[in-house]
């Protein structure tokens, strides 16, 4: 996969997502977002506190690392075709999200449904149930002098 990344750059992520889509099976997911319980069919849930995934994909494009909230993206395509369209929408943000993508913001997010795989920064990290929360001000970041980038609230 590293050779594909070197050859295609950001396109490697799109290719891998398109390859994985036919085998992706949405699961009924029970979750709580800031105390509100919900249920949906989801193929993928992304929680982000910054804007880029893998340094190239804008999965949480509105994230601000200093606002005390995580951005939530839930992908729920109803078919393989809708899934492929969703991959295109995520690769080309100007296409808009479409009906297969839900976005929100939260300080706490819990997935109650057991047995769903969890990844942290792309690495396997167990299964659900899992709870996530924002701990504002815990991470100290040093940035060069001058205006802050938008992801840091500038």
Protein backbone atom coordinates (compact mmCIF):
# COMPACT_ATOMS: atom_id res chain seq x y z
CA UNK A 1 0.00 0.00 0.00
CA UNK A 2 2.92 2.35 0.59
CA UNK A 3 3.91 2.01 -3.08
CA UNK A 4 0.34 2.90 -4.10
CA UNK A 5 0.47 5.99 -1.86
CA UNK A 6 3.77 7.05 -3.40
CA UNK A 7 2.44 6.53 -6.93
CA UNK A 8 -1.04 8.03 -6.56
CA UNK A 9 -0.66 10.40 -3.59
CA UNK A 10 -4.10 11.38 -2.26
CA UNK A 11 -5.75 9.31 -5.00
CA UNK A 12 -4.58 6.17 -3.19
CA UNK A 13 -7.13 6.81 -0.43
CA UNK A 14 -9.92 7.17 -2.98
CA UNK A 15 -8.84 3.97 -4.74
CA UNK A 16 -8.70 2.02 -1.47
CA UNK A 17 -12.12 3.32 -0.38
CA UNK A 18 -13.64 2.38 -3.76
CA UNK A 19 -12.10 -1.11 -3.53
CA UNK A 20 -13.46 -1.64 0.00
CA UNK A 21 -16.97 -0.31 -0.71
CA UNK A 22 -18.56 -3.47 -2.21
CA UNK A 23 -17.64 -5.48 0.90
CA UNK A 24 -18.70 -2.81 3.38
CA UNK A 25 -21.80 -3.81 5.29
CA UNK A 26 -23.62 -1.08 7.20
CA UNK A 27 -24.57 -2.06 10.74
CA UNK A 28 -27.43 -0.85 12.89
CA UNK A 29 -25.71 1.39 15.37
CA UNK A 30 -27.07 2.70 18.66
CA UNK A 31 -25.20 5.78 19.78
CA UNK A 32 -25.44 8.74 22.13
CA UNK A 33 -24.30 12.20 21.11
CA UNK A 34 -24.15 14.73 23.96
CA UNK A 35 -26.81 12.83 25.91
CA UNK A 36 -29.22 12.28 23.00
CA UNK A 37 -29.76 8.62 22.07
CA UNK A 38 -30.06 7.74 18.39
CA UNK A 39 -30.08 4.73 16.08
CA UNK A 40 -28.95 4.59 12.45
CA UNK A 41 -27.55 2.21 9.87
CA UNK A 42 -23.89 3.18 9.48
CA UNK A 43 -21.00 1.94 7.39
CA UNK A 44 -18.48 4.27 9.01
CA UNK A 45 -18.27 6.81 11.81
CA UNK A 46 -15.45 9.35 11.91
CA UNK A 47 -14.70 11.54 14.93
CA UNK A 48 -12.20 14.31 14.31
CA UNK A 49 -10.72 17.28 16.10
CA UNK A 50 -8.72 18.43 13.08
CA UNK A 51 -9.60 18.75 9.42
CA UNK A 52 -7.49 16.19 7.58
CA UNK A 53 -7.50 12.39 7.71
CA UNK A 54 -4.28 10.81 6.53
CA UNK A 55 -3.02 14.32 5.72
CA UNK A 56 -5.20 14.43 2.58
CA UNK A 57 -8.88 13.59 3.11
CA UNK A 58 -11.21 16.32 4.36
CA UNK A 59 -13.52 14.06 6.39
CA UNK A 60 -14.13 16.67 9.10
CA UNK A 61 -13.54 19.90 7.15
CA UNK A 62 -15.15 22.20 9.71
CA UNK A 63 -13.15 20.95 12.69
CA UNK A 64 -11.46 23.49 14.94
CA UNK A 65 -8.95 21.92 17.32
CA UNK A 66 -9.45 24.58 20.00
CA UNK A 67 -13.27 24.77 20.19
CA UNK A 68 -13.81 22.01 22.76
CA UNK A 69 -15.85 19.86 20.36
CA UNK A 70 -15.20 16.92 18.06
CA UNK A 71 -16.68 16.82 14.59
CA UNK A 72 -18.76 13.74 13.78
CA UNK A 73 -19.31 12.22 10.34
CA UNK A 74 -21.60 9.20 9.91
CA UNK A 75 -21.63 7.49 6.51
CA UNK A 76 -24.81 5.53 5.72
CA UNK A 77 -24.98 4.56 2.04
CA UNK A 78 -28.02 2.48 1.15
CA UNK A 79 -26.34 0.55 -1.67
CA UNK A 80 -22.96 -0.10 -3.30
CA UNK A 81 -23.76 2.59 -5.88
CA UNK A 82 -24.58 5.10 -3.15
CA UNK A 83 -21.37 4.07 -1.41
CA UNK A 84 -19.29 4.75 -4.50
CA UNK A 85 -21.03 8.12 -4.90
CA UNK A 86 -20.19 8.85 -1.26
CA UNK A 87 -16.51 8.06 -1.89
CA UNK A 88 -16.59 10.55 -4.78
CA UNK A 89 -18.28 13.16 -2.58
CA UNK A 90 -15.63 12.75 0.11
CA UNK A 91 -12.82 12.93 -2.47
CA UNK A 92 -14.30 16.02 -4.15
CA UNK A 93 -15.78 18.19 -1.36
CA UNK A 94 -17.36 20.69 -3.77
CA UNK A 95 -19.87 17.94 -4.72
CA UNK A 96 -21.46 18.32 -1.28
CA UNK A 97 -22.31 15.59 1.20
CA UNK A 98 -25.50 14.11 -0.26
CA UNK A 99 -27.97 12.06 1.76
CA UNK A 100 -25.49 9.32 2.76
CA UNK A 101 -23.42 11.61 5.00
CA UNK A 102 -24.54 13.11 8.31
CA UNK A 103 -22.36 15.63 10.12
CA UNK A 104 -22.57 17.04 13.63
CA UNK A 105 -20.49 18.24 16.57
CA UNK A 106 -20.23 16.85 20.07
CA UNK A 107 -18.33 16.96 23.33
CA UNK A 108 -19.26 13.32 24.09
CA UNK A 109 -20.01 10.46 21.69
CA UNK A 110 -20.72 6.86 22.68
CA UNK A 111 -21.41 3.85 20.45
CA UNK A 112 -23.38 1.31 22.48
CA UNK A 113 -23.72 -1.39 19.79
CA UNK A 114 -21.25 -4.18 20.66
CA UNK A 115 -18.77 -5.82 18.31
CA UNK A 116 -18.05 -3.05 15.79
CA UNK A 117 -14.35 -2.52 14.99
CA UNK A 118 -12.70 0.67 16.26
CA UNK A 119 -9.64 2.37 14.78
CA UNK A 120 -7.67 5.22 16.32
CA UNK A 121 -5.75 7.23 13.75
CA UNK A 122 -6.07 4.35 11.27
CA UNK A 123 -4.84 1.61 13.61
CA UNK A 124 -7.10 -1.15 15.00
CA UNK A 125 -8.01 -0.39 18.61
CA UNK A 126 -10.58 -2.92 19.78
CA UNK A 127 -14.34 -2.99 19.41
CA UNK A 128 -17.42 -1.17 20.55
CA UNK A 129 -18.99 -0.30 22.89
CA UNK A 130 -16.73 2.74 23.03
CA UNK A 131 -16.99 6.23 24.48
CA UNK A 132 -15.19 9.35 23.33
CA UNK A 133 -15.04 12.82 24.86
CA UNK A 134 -13.18 16.05 24.34
CA UNK A 135 -10.80 17.18 27.07
CA UNK A 136 -10.32 20.90 26.28
CA UNK A 137 -6.93 22.43 26.93
CA UNK A 138 -5.14 19.16 27.74
CA UNK A 139 -2.80 19.13 24.72
CA UNK A 140 -0.34 22.02 24.52
CA UNK A 141 0.63 22.98 20.97
CA UNK A 142 3.48 25.22 19.89
CA UNK A 143 2.94 27.15 16.67
CA UNK A 144 5.05 29.77 14.87
CA UNK A 145 4.35 33.44 15.58
CA UNK A 146 1.73 35.08 13.40
CA UNK A 147 -1.92 34.47 12.59
CA UNK A 148 -3.30 31.10 13.62
CA UNK A 149 -4.56 28.73 10.91
CA UNK A 150 -8.33 28.18 10.83
CA UNK A 151 -8.04 24.68 12.32
CA UNK A 152 -6.60 26.31 15.47
CA UNK A 153 -9.36 28.91 15.65
CA UNK A 154 -7.62 31.66 13.61
